[in-house]
Protein backbone atom coordinates (compact mmCIF):
# COMPACT_ATOMS: atom_id res chain seq x y z
CA UNK A 1 -42.39 0.41 -10.79
CA UNK A 2 -45.04 2.52 -12.43
CA UNK A 3 -46.11 5.81 -11.29
CA UNK A 4 -49.43 4.26 -10.27
CA UNK A 5 -50.64 0.80 -9.58
CA UNK A 6 -53.52 -0.94 -7.71
CA UNK A 7 -53.53 -3.00 -4.61
CA UNK A 8 -56.81 -4.41 -3.81
CA UNK A 9 -58.66 -2.05 -6.32
CA UNK A 10 -57.09 1.03 -4.74
CA UNK A 11 -55.03 3.21 -6.88
CA UNK A 12 -51.63 4.05 -5.36
CA UNK A 13 -49.17 6.53 -6.64
CA UNK A 14 -45.48 6.10 -6.06
CA UNK A 15 -42.78 8.38 -7.61
CA UNK A 16 -40.52 7.00 -10.13
CA UNK A 17 -37.00 6.07 -9.20
CA UNK A 18 -34.44 9.05 -8.89
CA UNK A 19 -31.59 10.14 -6.77
CA UNK A 20 -33.53 13.05 -5.81
CA UNK A 21 -34.46 13.29 -2.18
CA UNK A 22 -37.76 14.66 -0.82
CA UNK A 23 -37.75 16.79 2.42
CA UNK A 24 -39.74 20.06 1.81
CA UNK A 25 -43.42 20.96 2.11
CA UNK A 26 -43.23 21.72 -1.74
CA UNK A 27 -42.09 18.25 -2.42
CA UNK A 28 -45.09 17.18 -0.55
CA UNK A 29 -47.51 19.28 -2.60
CA UNK A 30 -45.66 18.30 -5.82
CA UNK A 31 -46.46 14.54 -4.79
CA UNK A 32 -49.93 15.35 -3.98
CA UNK A 33 -50.53 16.96 -7.52
CA UNK A 34 -49.01 13.81 -9.02
CA UNK A 35 -51.15 11.53 -7.07
CA UNK A 36 -54.22 13.68 -8.16
CA UNK A 37 -52.99 13.48 -11.77
CA UNK A 38 -52.89 9.80 -11.36
CA UNK A 39 -56.29 9.42 -9.57
CA UNK A 40 -54.76 7.72 -6.66
CA UNK A 41 -56.23 7.47 -3.27
CA UNK A 42 -52.62 6.59 -1.53
CA UNK A 43 -49.30 7.93 -2.02
CA UNK A 44 -46.30 5.28 -1.31
CA UNK A 45 -43.01 6.80 -0.64
CA UNK A 46 -39.83 4.84 -0.54
CA UNK A 47 -38.08 5.88 2.98
CA UNK A 48 -34.57 5.70 0.69
CA UNK A 49 -35.87 8.92 -1.02
CA UNK A 50 -35.68 10.90 2.27
CA UNK A 51 -32.49 12.27 3.82
CA UNK A 52 -31.78 10.65 7.03
CA UNK A 53 -32.35 14.06 8.93
CA UNK A 54 -35.93 13.87 7.59
CA UNK A 55 -36.55 11.20 10.31
CA UNK A 56 -35.15 13.31 13.04
CA UNK A 57 -38.20 15.09 14.70
CA UNK A 58 -36.25 18.01 16.01
CA UNK A 59 -35.97 18.99 12.25
CA UNK A 60 -39.86 19.18 11.94
CA UNK A 61 -39.39 18.18 8.29
CA UNK A 62 -41.42 14.99 8.68
CA UNK A 63 -44.26 16.58 10.46
CA UNK A 64 -44.57 19.50 7.97
CA UNK A 65 -44.43 16.91 5.04
CA UNK A 66 -47.15 14.75 6.66
CA UNK A 67 -49.27 18.06 7.58
CA UNK A 68 -49.49 18.82 3.78
CA UNK A 69 -50.82 15.40 3.35
CA UNK A 70 -53.51 15.84 5.77
CA UNK A 71 -54.55 19.01 4.78
CA UNK A 72 -54.98 17.96 1.13
CA UNK A 73 -56.88 14.83 2.51
CA UNK A 74 -54.31 12.35 0.85
CA UNK A 75 -53.52 9.12 2.44
CA UNK A 76 -49.79 8.46 2.83
CA UNK A 77 -47.41 5.32 3.36
CA UNK A 78 -43.61 5.52 3.89
CA UNK A 79 -42.37 2.23 2.57
CA UNK A 80 -39.27 0.93 3.77
CA UNK A 81 -36.93 -0.13 6.86
CA UNK A 82 -36.66 2.93 9.15
CA UNK A 83 -35.40 0.60 12.05
CA UNK A 84 -32.09 2.50 12.53
CA UNK A 85 -34.16 5.80 12.82
CA UNK A 86 -36.40 4.11 15.21
CA UNK A 87 -33.59 2.70 17.43
CA UNK A 88 -32.11 6.32 17.81
CA UNK A 89 -35.53 7.82 18.67
CA UNK A 90 -38.02 6.91 21.40
CA UNK A 91 -39.96 9.99 20.26
CA UNK A 92 -39.92 8.68 16.75
CA UNK A 93 -40.92 5.16 17.65
CA UNK A 94 -43.96 6.81 19.44
CA UNK A 95 -44.80 9.08 16.36
CA UNK A 96 -44.82 6.07 14.05
CA UNK A 97 -46.63 3.82 16.47
CA UNK A 98 -49.44 6.50 16.72
CA UNK A 99 -49.63 7.32 13.03
CA UNK A 100 -49.82 3.36 12.23
CA UNK A 101 -52.89 3.09 14.35
CA UNK A 102 -54.69 5.67 12.39
CA UNK A 103 -56.04 5.47 8.61
CA UNK A 104 -54.10 8.46 7.01
CA UNK A 105 -50.40 7.90 7.47
CA UNK A 106 -48.46 4.67 7.76
CA UNK A 107 -44.87 3.58 7.89
CA UNK A 108 -44.63 -0.30 6.61
CA UNK A 109 -41.75 -2.39 5.79
CA UNK A 110 -42.72 -3.13 2.15
CA UNK A 111 -45.62 -3.14 -0.31
CA UNK A 112 -46.95 -6.49 0.90
CA UNK A 113 -47.43 -4.82 4.37
CA UNK A 114 -49.33 -1.94 2.90
CA UNK A 115 -51.48 -4.32 0.85
CA UNK A 116 -52.42 -6.10 4.04
CA UNK A 117 -53.46 -2.87 5.68
CA UNK A 118 -55.46 -1.37 3.02
CA UNK A 119 -59.46 -1.74 3.13
CA UNK A 120 -61.27 -3.55 0.33
CA UNK A 121 -62.55 -0.22 -0.60
CA UNK A 122 -62.18 3.54 0.31
CA UNK A 123 -65.04 5.49 1.73
């Protein structure tokens, strides 16, 4: 997949495939910078690019990572199957449910689900 593509006329940035995992606030800032370079409104991140501990809310990694995107006013989608993490944590289930009710951070199973959630234009 190319670093950026369009869904419903909305530019989406996704990092190129790599074995490197994301987990720090610095990684978030790097991804935000790359999305700006690609003139993308959304950042779609494959969940397999994160260490399993990232989805443990006790580590605070997920919250700190997301906070960078919120601070820089970038929309974010985690793309992929996180069912094993959801099964292990009622707190994460509540967090994901609340995030998915908003407009800035989503957890989706695949790009088709992301496309279905996207507006036809961004304000």
